[in-house]
Amino acid sequence: MKWSASVAQIDPPRWVPVLLALNAGFVDACTFVGLFGFFIAQLTGSYVIAGSSLFTPGWPEATVLLAVPMFFTGGVATTLLATTAAANRLPPAACALGLETALLAALAALMTFAAPFPNSPPPAAFIAVLVGLAAMGVQSALVRLLFRGVASTNVMTTNTTQIAIDATEATLAWALRRGGSPEVVRQHEAACRRLGASVPLPLAFFAGTMSGGVAYTALGPWVLILPAAAVGALSLWALRKETKG
């Protein structure tokens, strides 16, 4: 088995990161509702839960202590898988998306057969949290590692900050472009392009949280099979794109 220190990035169409952001919001809302308020799509909430676990009742210490390492492990596994796949002439993005599909399917199975949970988190909920964190760690890493020029699809804090910066720069450049300076025009166009690529992501994530919360509450934990199926379809798209390219 060969290994490579680098992997080629691909240029996904805009709908791909939007779908991943929608999926992440959907999964995060479902696990928040079904797993005692635990956030798995991004680590900020996990850090807060870990830091406050000694002072507030809730998840057992083993869960909060393993939350960050599991997300980290998902990123490590994705990097190893993608670089190894690239070195052996396999499609790295398809492999990484396939790994996320498998983890999301495992999360859906755990939630479907074990939920609803009692008032305190049982071992099945503990395992579901760790599997979900690993899945989101995979998604976070594969987007940064394999998709050229795509912002995070499951961490909206930095995205929102960047949108604020780009919106301000675009507005200022628009106000100054009347002078006809080519540099100002270029800056305005660049800021508008960044906005066009970044604004849909938090909107899709928010739409995912709304639809995920409603779906989980109305239909139950089996709805988690939907994001697994969506990422599975994306892995087939990546396989076709990478083998044709």
C-alpha atoms as a PDB file:
ATOM      1  CA  MET A   1       0.000   0.000   0.000  1.00  0.00           C
ATOM      2  CA  LYS A   2       1.461   3.327  -1.095  1.00  0.00           C
ATOM      3  CA  TRP A   3       1.083   6.671   0.638  1.00  0.00           C
ATOM      4  CA  SER A   4       1.419  10.208  -0.705  1.00  0.00           C
ATOM      5  CA  ALA A   5       2.118  13.428   1.178  1.00  0.00           C
ATOM      6  CA  SER A   6      -0.344  15.411  -0.934  1.00  0.00           C
ATOM      7  CA  VAL A   7      -3.640  14.971  -2.729  1.00  0.00           C
ATOM      8  CA  ALA A   8      -5.136  16.790  -5.706  1.00  0.00           C
ATOM      9  CA  GLN A   9      -8.128  19.023  -5.017  1.00  0.00           C
ATOM     10  CA  ILE A  10     -11.251  19.168  -7.151  1.00  0.00           C
ATOM     11  CA  ASP A  11     -13.533  22.092  -8.020  1.00  0.00           C
ATOM     12  CA  PRO A  12     -17.022  21.070  -6.914  1.00  0.00           C
ATOM     13  CA  PRO A  13     -20.123  22.802  -8.276  1.00  0.00           C
ATOM     14  CA  ARG A  14     -21.755  25.172  -5.810  1.00  0.00           C
ATOM     15  CA  TRP A  15     -24.574  22.781  -4.965  1.00  0.00           C
ATOM     16  CA  VAL A  16     -22.141  20.262  -3.432  1.00  0.00           C
ATOM     17  CA  PRO A  17     -20.967  22.355  -0.437  1.00  0.00           C
ATOM     18  CA  VAL A  18     -24.515  23.697  -0.064  1.00  0.00           C
ATOM     19  CA  LEU A  19     -25.838  20.152   0.222  1.00  0.00           C
ATOM     20  CA  LEU A  20     -23.122  19.265   2.736  1.00  0.00           C
ATOM     21  CA  ALA A  21     -23.989  22.333   4.840  1.00  0.00           C
ATOM     22  CA  LEU A  22     -27.684  21.428   4.692  1.00  0.00           C
ATOM     23  CA  ASN A  23     -26.816  17.896   5.777  1.00  0.00           C
ATOM     24  CA  ALA A  24     -24.643  19.075   8.658  1.00  0.00           C
ATOM     25  CA  GLY A  25     -27.402  21.329   9.967  1.00  0.00           C
ATOM     26  CA  PHE A  26     -29.929  18.506   9.649  1.00  0.00           C
ATOM     27  CA  VAL A  27     -27.735  16.062  11.571  1.00  0.00           C
ATOM     28  CA  ASP A  28     -26.839  18.636  14.217  1.00  0.00           C
ATOM     29  CA  ALA A  29     -30.501  19.441  14.890  1.00  0.00           C
ATOM     30  CA  CYS A  30     -31.475  15.760  15.056  1.00  0.00           C
ATOM     31  CA  THR A  31     -28.726  14.928  17.529  1.00  0.00           C
ATOM     32  CA  PHE A  32     -29.421  18.065  19.564  1.00  0.00           C
ATOM     33  CA  VAL A  33     -33.055  16.995  19.934  1.00  0.00           C
ATOM     34  CA  GLY A  34     -32.372  13.289  20.361  1.00  0.00           C
ATOM     35  CA  LEU A  35     -29.078  13.289  22.274  1.00  0.00           C
ATOM     36  CA  PHE A  36     -29.674  15.622  25.206  1.00  0.00           C
ATOM     37  CA  GLY A  37     -28.560  18.858  23.577  1.00  0.00           C
ATOM     38  CA  PHE A  38     -25.210  17.630  22.253  1.00  0.00           C
ATOM     39  CA  PHE A  39     -23.742  19.483  19.233  1.00  0.00           C
ATOM     40  CA  ILE A  40     -21.805  17.225  16.873  1.00  0.00           C
ATOM     41  CA  ALA A  41     -21.432  19.300  13.698  1.00  0.00           C
ATOM     42  CA  GLN A  42     -18.924  21.720  15.199  1.00  0.00           C
ATOM     43  CA  LEU A  43     -16.619  21.657  18.183  1.00  0.00           C
ATOM     44  CA  THR A  44     -17.485  24.952  19.868  1.00  0.00           C
ATOM     45  CA  GLY A  45     -20.465  23.401  21.624  1.00  0.00           C
ATOM     46  CA  SER A  46     -18.407  20.342  22.531  1.00  0.00           C
ATOM     47  CA  TYR A  47     -15.717  22.511  24.112  1.00  0.00           C
ATOM     48  CA  VAL A  48     -18.369  24.290  26.174  1.00  0.00           C
ATOM     49  CA  ILE A  49     -19.919  20.990  27.298  1.00  0.00           C
ATOM     50  CA  ALA A  50     -16.488  19.622  28.170  1.00  0.00           C
ATOM     51  CA  GLY A  51     -15.501  22.727  30.092  1.00  0.00           C
ATOM     52  CA  SER A  52     -18.717  22.938  32.087  1.00  0.00           C
ATOM     53  CA  SER A  53     -19.222  19.200  32.702  1.00  0.00           C
ATOM     54  CA  LEU A  54     -17.617  19.376  36.139  1.00  0.00           C
ATOM     55  CA  PHE A  55     -20.101  22.000  37.301  1.00  0.00           C
ATOM     56  CA  THR A  56     -23.386  21.092  35.584  1.00  0.00           C
ATOM     57  CA  PRO A  57     -25.291  17.793  35.325  1.00  0.00           C
ATOM     58  CA  GLY A  58     -25.548  16.130  31.943  1.00  0.00           C
ATOM     59  CA  TRP A  59     -23.264  13.954  29.903  1.00  0.00           C
ATOM     60  CA  PRO A  60     -20.773  11.661  31.682  1.00  0.00           C
ATOM     61  CA  GLU A  61     -17.186  12.862  31.764  1.00  0.00           C
ATOM     62  CA  ALA A  62     -16.032  10.107  29.393  1.00  0.00           C
ATOM     63  CA  THR A  63     -18.225  11.540  26.629  1.00  0.00           C
ATOM     64  CA  VAL A  64     -17.118  15.135  26.945  1.00  0.00           C
ATOM     65  CA  LEU A  65     -13.469  14.147  27.261  1.00  0.00           C
ATOM     66  CA  LEU A  66     -13.663  12.061  24.085  1.00  0.00           C
ATOM     67  CA  ALA A  67     -15.706  14.569  22.038  1.00  0.00           C
ATOM     68  CA  VAL A  68     -12.787  16.621  20.744  1.00  0.00           C
ATOM     69  CA  PRO A  69     -10.491  13.596  20.167  1.00  0.00           C
ATOM     70  CA  MET A  70     -13.231  11.838  18.141  1.00  0.00           C
ATOM     71  CA  PHE A  71     -13.734  14.855  15.896  1.00  0.00           C
ATOM     72  CA  PHE A  72      -9.949  15.091  15.562  1.00  0.00           C
ATOM     73  CA  THR A  73      -9.730  11.374  14.756  1.00  0.00           C
ATOM     74  CA  GLY A  74     -12.271  11.830  11.973  1.00  0.00           C
ATOM     75  CA  GLY A  75     -10.003  14.435  10.409  1.00  0.00           C
ATOM     76  CA  VAL A  76      -6.921  12.252  10.777  1.00  0.00           C
ATOM     77  CA  ALA A  77      -8.682   9.225   9.273  1.00  0.00           C
ATOM     78  CA  THR A  78      -9.901  11.319   6.335  1.00  0.00           C
ATOM     79  CA  THR A  79      -6.432  12.655   5.601  1.00  0.00           C
ATOM     80  CA  LEU A  80      -4.857   9.206   5.781  1.00  0.00           C
ATOM     81  CA  LEU A  81      -7.587   7.690   3.622  1.00  0.00           C
ATOM     82  CA  ALA A  82      -7.455  10.424   0.982  1.00  0.00           C
ATOM     83  CA  THR A  83      -3.681  10.526   0.679  1.00  0.00           C
ATOM     84  CA  THR A  84      -3.416   6.747   0.580  1.00  0.00           C
ATOM     85  CA  ALA A  85      -6.174   6.542  -2.036  1.00  0.00           C
ATOM     86  CA  ALA A  86      -4.490   9.182  -4.199  1.00  0.00           C
ATOM     87  CA  ALA A  87      -1.155   7.357  -4.045  1.00  0.00           C
ATOM     88  CA  ASN A  88      -2.841   4.122  -5.150  1.00  0.00           C
ATOM     89  CA  ARG A  89      -4.811   5.784  -7.986  1.00  0.00           C
ATOM     90  CA  LEU A  90      -8.133   5.579  -6.188  1.00  0.00           C
ATOM     91  CA  PRO A  91     -10.618   8.498  -6.034  1.00  0.00           C
ATOM     92  CA  PRO A  92      -9.813  10.282  -2.743  1.00  0.00           C
ATOM     93  CA  ALA A  93     -12.955  12.429  -2.518  1.00  0.00           C
ATOM     94  CA  ALA A  94     -15.205   9.450  -3.241  1.00  0.00           C
ATOM     95  CA  CYS A  95     -13.393   7.417  -0.581  1.00  0.00           C
ATOM     96  CA  ALA A  96     -13.676  10.198   2.005  1.00  0.00           C
ATOM     97  CA  LEU A  97     -17.362  10.750   1.271  1.00  0.00           C
ATOM     98  CA  GLY A  98     -17.885   6.999   1.457  1.00  0.00           C
ATOM     99  CA  LEU A  99     -16.351   6.992   4.938  1.00  0.00           C
ATOM    100  CA  GLU A 100     -18.711   9.764   6.039  1.00  0.00           C
ATOM    101  CA  THR A 101     -21.635   7.846   4.533  1.00  0.00           C
ATOM    102  CA  ALA A 102     -20.744   4.762   6.556  1.00  0.00           C
ATOM    103  CA  LEU A 103     -20.471   6.754   9.790  1.00  0.00           C
ATOM    104  CA  LEU A 104     -23.770   8.571   9.194  1.00  0.00           C
ATOM    105  CA  ALA A 105     -25.463   5.250   8.424  1.00  0.00           C
ATOM    106  CA  ALA A 106     -24.093   3.853  11.687  1.00  0.00           C
ATOM    107  CA  LEU A 107     -25.398   6.911  13.529  1.00  0.00           C
ATOM    108  CA  ALA A 108     -28.830   6.455  11.941  1.00  0.00           C
ATOM    109  CA  ALA A 109     -28.888   2.776  12.936  1.00  0.00           C
ATOM    110  CA  LEU A 110     -27.876   3.520  16.520  1.00  0.00           C
ATOM    111  CA  MET A 111     -30.474   6.249  16.883  1.00  0.00           C
ATOM    112  CA  THR A 112     -33.245   4.254  15.219  1.00  0.00           C
ATOM    113  CA  PHE A 113     -32.829   1.094  17.266  1.00  0.00           C
ATOM    114  CA  ALA A 114     -31.848   2.649  20.598  1.00  0.00           C
ATOM    115  CA  ALA A 115     -33.967   5.823  20.828  1.00  0.00           C
ATOM    116  CA  PRO A 116     -35.909   7.213  22.549  1.00  0.00           C
ATOM    117  CA  PHE A 117     -33.439   7.409  25.369  1.00  0.00           C
ATOM    118  CA  PRO A 118     -34.252   7.710  29.091  1.00  0.00           C
ATOM    119  CA  ASN A 119     -33.609  10.852  31.082  1.00  0.00           C
ATOM    120  CA  SER A 120     -29.893  10.140  31.518  1.00  0.00           C
ATOM    121  CA  PRO A 121     -27.635   9.236  28.560  1.00  0.00           C
ATOM    122  CA  PRO A 122     -27.229   5.431  28.242  1.00  0.00           C
ATOM    123  CA  PRO A 123     -24.242   3.698  26.593  1.00  0.00           C
ATOM    124  CA  ALA A 124     -26.003   3.636  23.193  1.00  0.00           C
ATOM    125  CA  ALA A 125     -26.340   7.422  23.267  1.00  0.00           C
ATOM    126  CA  PHE A 126     -22.667   7.690  24.266  1.00  0.00           C
ATOM    127  CA  ILE A 127     -21.655   5.627  21.215  1.00  0.00           C
ATOM    128  CA  ALA A 128     -24.008   7.557  18.919  1.00  0.00           C
ATOM    129  CA  VAL A 129     -22.432  10.855  19.967  1.00  0.00           C
ATOM    130  CA  LEU A 130     -18.927   9.584  19.236  1.00  0.00           C
ATOM    131  CA  VAL A 131     -19.929   8.175  15.839  1.00  0.00           C
ATOM    132  CA  GLY A 132     -21.653  11.436  14.918  1.00  0.00           C
ATOM    133  CA  LEU A 133     -18.628  13.484  15.977  1.00  0.00           C
ATOM    134  CA  ALA A 134     -16.363  11.293  13.853  1.00  0.00           C
ATOM    135  CA  ALA A 135     -18.682  11.729  10.852  1.00  0.00           C
ATOM    136  CA  MET A 136     -18.628  15.509  11.161  1.00  0.00           C
ATOM    137  CA  GLY A 137     -14.858  15.441  11.648  1.00  0.00           C
ATOM    138  CA  VAL A 138     -14.614  13.568   8.355  1.00  0.00           C
ATOM    139  CA  GLN A 139     -16.788  16.123   6.578  1.00  0.00           C
ATOM    140  CA  SER A 140     -14.876  19.064   8.015  1.00  0.00           C
ATOM    141  CA  ALA A 141     -11.553  17.605   6.897  1.00  0.00           C
ATOM    142  CA  LEU A 142     -12.605  16.427   3.444  1.00  0.00           C
ATOM    143  CA  VAL A 143     -14.009  19.828   2.484  1.00  0.00           C
ATOM    144  CA  ARG A 144     -10.794  21.617   3.455  1.00  0.00           C
ATOM    145  CA  LEU A 145      -8.482  18.931   2.079  1.00  0.00           C
ATOM    146  CA  LEU A 146     -10.203  17.943  -1.166  1.00  0.00           C
ATOM    147  CA  PHE A 147     -12.444  20.831  -2.307  1.00  0.00           C
ATOM    148  CA  ARG A 148     -10.646  23.862  -3.705  1.00  0.00           C
ATOM    149  CA  GLY A 149     -11.812  27.230  -2.394  1.00  0.00           C
ATOM    150  CA  VAL A 150     -14.742  25.931  -0.313  1.00  0.00           C
ATOM    151  CA  ALA A 151     -15.458  27.339   3.127  1.00  0.00           C
ATOM    152  CA  SER A 152     -16.435  25.139   6.055  1.00  0.00           C
ATOM    153  CA  THR A 153     -19.755  23.359   5.641  1.00  0.00           C
ATOM    154  CA  ASN A 154     -20.312  22.582   9.311  1.00  0.00           C
ATOM    155  CA  VAL A 155     -18.722  25.454  11.288  1.00  0.00           C
ATOM    156  CA  MET A 156     -20.688  28.640  10.720  1.00  0.00           C
ATOM    157  CA  THR A 157     -18.889  30.992  13.133  1.00  0.00           C
ATOM    158  CA  THR A 158     -15.916  31.675  10.861  1.00  0.00           C
ATOM    159  CA  ASN A 159     -18.182  31.695   7.799  1.00  0.00           C
ATOM    160  CA  THR A 160     -20.395  34.400   9.314  1.00  0.00           C
ATOM    161  CA  THR A 161     -17.346  36.469  10.245  1.00  0.00           C
ATOM    162  CA  GLN A 162     -15.964  36.179   6.717  1.00  0.00           C
ATOM    163  CA  ILE A 163     -19.331  37.179   5.239  1.00  0.00           C
ATOM    164  CA  ALA A 164     -19.327  40.300   7.415  1.00  0.00           C
ATOM    165  CA  ILE A 165     -15.822  41.185   6.193  1.00  0.00           C
ATOM    166  CA  ASP A 166     -16.631  40.522   2.527  1.00  0.00           C
ATOM    167  CA  ALA A 167     -19.935  42.405   2.669  1.00  0.00           C
ATOM    168  CA  THR A 168     -18.221  45.455   4.159  1.00  0.00           C
ATOM    169  CA  GLU A 169     -15.374  45.332   1.645  1.00  0.00           C
ATOM    170  CA  ALA A 170     -17.808  44.919  -1.252  1.00  0.00           C
ATOM    171  CA  THR A 171     -19.859  47.893  -0.073  1.00  0.00           C
ATOM    172  CA  LEU A 172     -16.819  50.122   0.361  1.00  0.00           C
ATOM    173  CA  ALA A 173     -15.409  49.121  -3.005  1.00  0.00           C
ATOM    174  CA  TRP A 174     -18.782  49.753  -4.655  1.00  0.00           C
ATOM    175  CA  ALA A 175     -18.855  53.244  -3.159  1.00  0.00           C
ATOM    176  CA  LEU A 176     -15.338  53.964  -4.433  1.00  0.00           C
ATOM    177  CA  ARG A 177     -15.524  52.336  -7.859  1.00  0.00           C
ATOM    178  CA  ARG A 178     -17.067  55.440  -9.411  1.00  0.00           C
ATOM    179  CA  GLY A 179     -13.561  56.772  -9.688  1.00  0.00           C
ATOM    180  CA  GLY A 180     -12.885  54.065 -12.243  1.00  0.00           C
ATOM    181  CA  SER A 181      -9.817  52.638 -10.529  1.00  0.00           C
ATOM    182  CA  PRO A 182      -9.188  49.132 -11.954  1.00  0.00           C
ATOM    183  CA  GLU A 183      -7.905  47.940  -8.585  1.00  0.00           C
ATOM    184  CA  VAL A 184     -11.068  49.044  -6.782  1.00  0.00           C
ATOM    185  CA  VAL A 185     -13.206  47.370  -9.441  1.00  0.00           C
ATOM    186  CA  ARG A 186     -11.191  44.190  -9.042  1.00  0.00           C
ATOM    187  CA  GLN A 187     -11.572  44.262  -5.260  1.00  0.00           C
ATOM    188  CA  HIS A 188     -15.333  44.765  -5.566  1.00  0.00           C
ATOM    189  CA  GLU A 189     -15.719  41.863  -7.976  1.00  0.00           C
ATOM    190  CA  ALA A 190     -13.563  39.597  -5.813  1.00  0.00           C
ATOM    191  CA  ALA A 191     -15.571  40.412  -2.671  1.00  0.00           C
ATOM    192  CA  CYS A 192     -18.819  39.763  -4.543  1.00  0.00           C
ATOM    193  CA  ARG A 193     -17.539  36.402  -5.750  1.00  0.00           C
ATOM    194  CA  ARG A 194     -16.596  35.423  -2.203  1.00  0.00           C
ATOM    195  CA  LEU A 195     -20.020  36.475  -0.972  1.00  0.00           C
ATOM    196  CA  GLY A 196     -21.723  34.460  -3.690  1.00  0.00           C
ATOM    197  CA  ALA A 197     -19.823  31.369  -2.596  1.00  0.00           C
ATOM    198  CA  SER A 198     -20.082  31.822   1.183  1.00  0.00           C
ATOM    199  CA  VAL A 199     -23.566  33.231   1.845  1.00  0.00           C
ATOM    200  CA  PRO A 200     -25.443  30.063   0.746  1.00  0.00           C
ATOM    201  CA  LEU A 201     -23.593  27.915   3.313  1.00  0.00           C
ATOM    202  CA  PRO A 202     -24.992  29.375   6.578  1.00  0.00           C
ATOM    203  CA  LEU A 203     -28.395  29.686   4.917  1.00  0.00           C
ATOM    204  CA  ALA A 204     -28.288  26.003   3.981  1.00  0.00           C
ATOM    205  CA  PHE A 205     -27.050  25.036   7.434  1.00  0.00           C
ATOM    206  CA  PHE A 206     -29.884  26.982   9.050  1.00  0.00           C
ATOM    207  CA  ALA A 207     -32.400  25.386   6.699  1.00  0.00           C
ATOM    208  CA  GLY A 208     -30.966  22.015   7.681  1.00  0.00           C
ATOM    209  CA  THR A 209     -31.359  22.734  11.394  1.00  0.00           C
ATOM    210  CA  MET A 210     -34.986  23.758  10.913  1.00  0.00           C
ATOM    211  CA  SER A 211     -35.891  20.773   8.741  1.00  0.00           C
ATOM    212  CA  GLY A 212     -33.907  18.373  10.934  1.00  0.00           C
ATOM    213  CA  GLY A 213     -35.579  19.506  14.134  1.00  0.00           C
ATOM    214  CA  VAL A 214     -39.042  19.297  12.608  1.00  0.00           C
ATOM    215  CA  ALA A 215     -38.392  15.932  10.946  1.00  0.00           C
ATOM    216  CA  TYR A 216     -36.889  14.317  14.028  1.00  0.00           C
ATOM    217  CA  THR A 217     -39.669  15.547  16.286  1.00  0.00           C
ATOM    218  CA  ALA A 218     -42.439  14.551  13.882  1.00  0.00           C
ATOM    219  CA  LEU A 219     -41.090  11.322  12.394  1.00  0.00           C
ATOM    220  CA  GLY A 220     -38.454   9.979  14.770  1.00  0.00           C
ATOM    221  CA  PRO A 221     -34.760   9.094  14.560  1.00  0.00           C
ATOM    222  CA  TRP A 222     -35.043   7.059  11.346  1.00  0.00           C
ATOM    223  CA  VAL A 223     -34.927  10.374   9.412  1.00  0.00           C
ATOM    224  CA  LEU A 224     -31.159  10.352   9.997  1.00  0.00           C
ATOM    225  CA  ILE A 225     -30.928   7.902   7.117  1.00  0.00           C
ATOM    226  CA  LEU A 226     -31.670  10.840   4.796  1.00  0.00           C
ATOM    227  CA  PRO A 227     -28.335  12.651   5.304  1.00  0.00           C
ATOM    228  CA  ALA A 228     -26.521   9.327   5.036  1.00  0.00           C
ATOM    229  CA  ALA A 229     -28.232   8.700   1.697  1.00  0.00           C
ATOM    230  CA  ALA A 230     -27.412  12.228   0.502  1.00  0.00           C
ATOM    231  CA  VAL A 231     -23.706  11.868   1.278  1.00  0.00           C
ATOM    232  CA  GLY A 232     -23.770   8.423  -0.331  1.00  0.00           C
ATOM    233  CA  ALA A 233     -25.100  10.031  -3.506  1.00  0.00           C
ATOM    234  CA  LEU A 234     -22.316  12.619  -3.289  1.00  0.00           C
ATOM    235  CA  SER A 235     -19.733   9.846  -3.048  1.00  0.00           C
ATOM    236  CA  LEU A 236     -21.073   8.407  -6.324  1.00  0.00           C
ATOM    237  CA  TRP A 237     -20.898  11.889  -7.878  1.00  0.00           C
ATOM    238  CA  ALA A 238     -17.276  12.237  -6.730  1.00  0.00           C
ATOM    239  CA  LEU A 239     -16.419   8.777  -8.028  1.00  0.00           C
ATOM    240  CA  ARG A 240     -17.742   9.697 -11.464  1.00  0.00           C
ATOM    241  CA  LYS A 241     -16.007  13.078 -11.468  1.00  0.00           C
ATOM    242  CA  GLU A 242     -12.642  11.755 -10.329  1.00  0.00           C
ATOM    243  CA  THR A 243     -12.579   8.725 -12.618  1.00  0.00           C
ATOM    244  CA  LYS A 244     -13.545  10.823 -15.639  1.00  0.00           C
ATOM    245  CA  GLY A 245     -11.053  13.578 -14.780  1.00  0.00           C
END
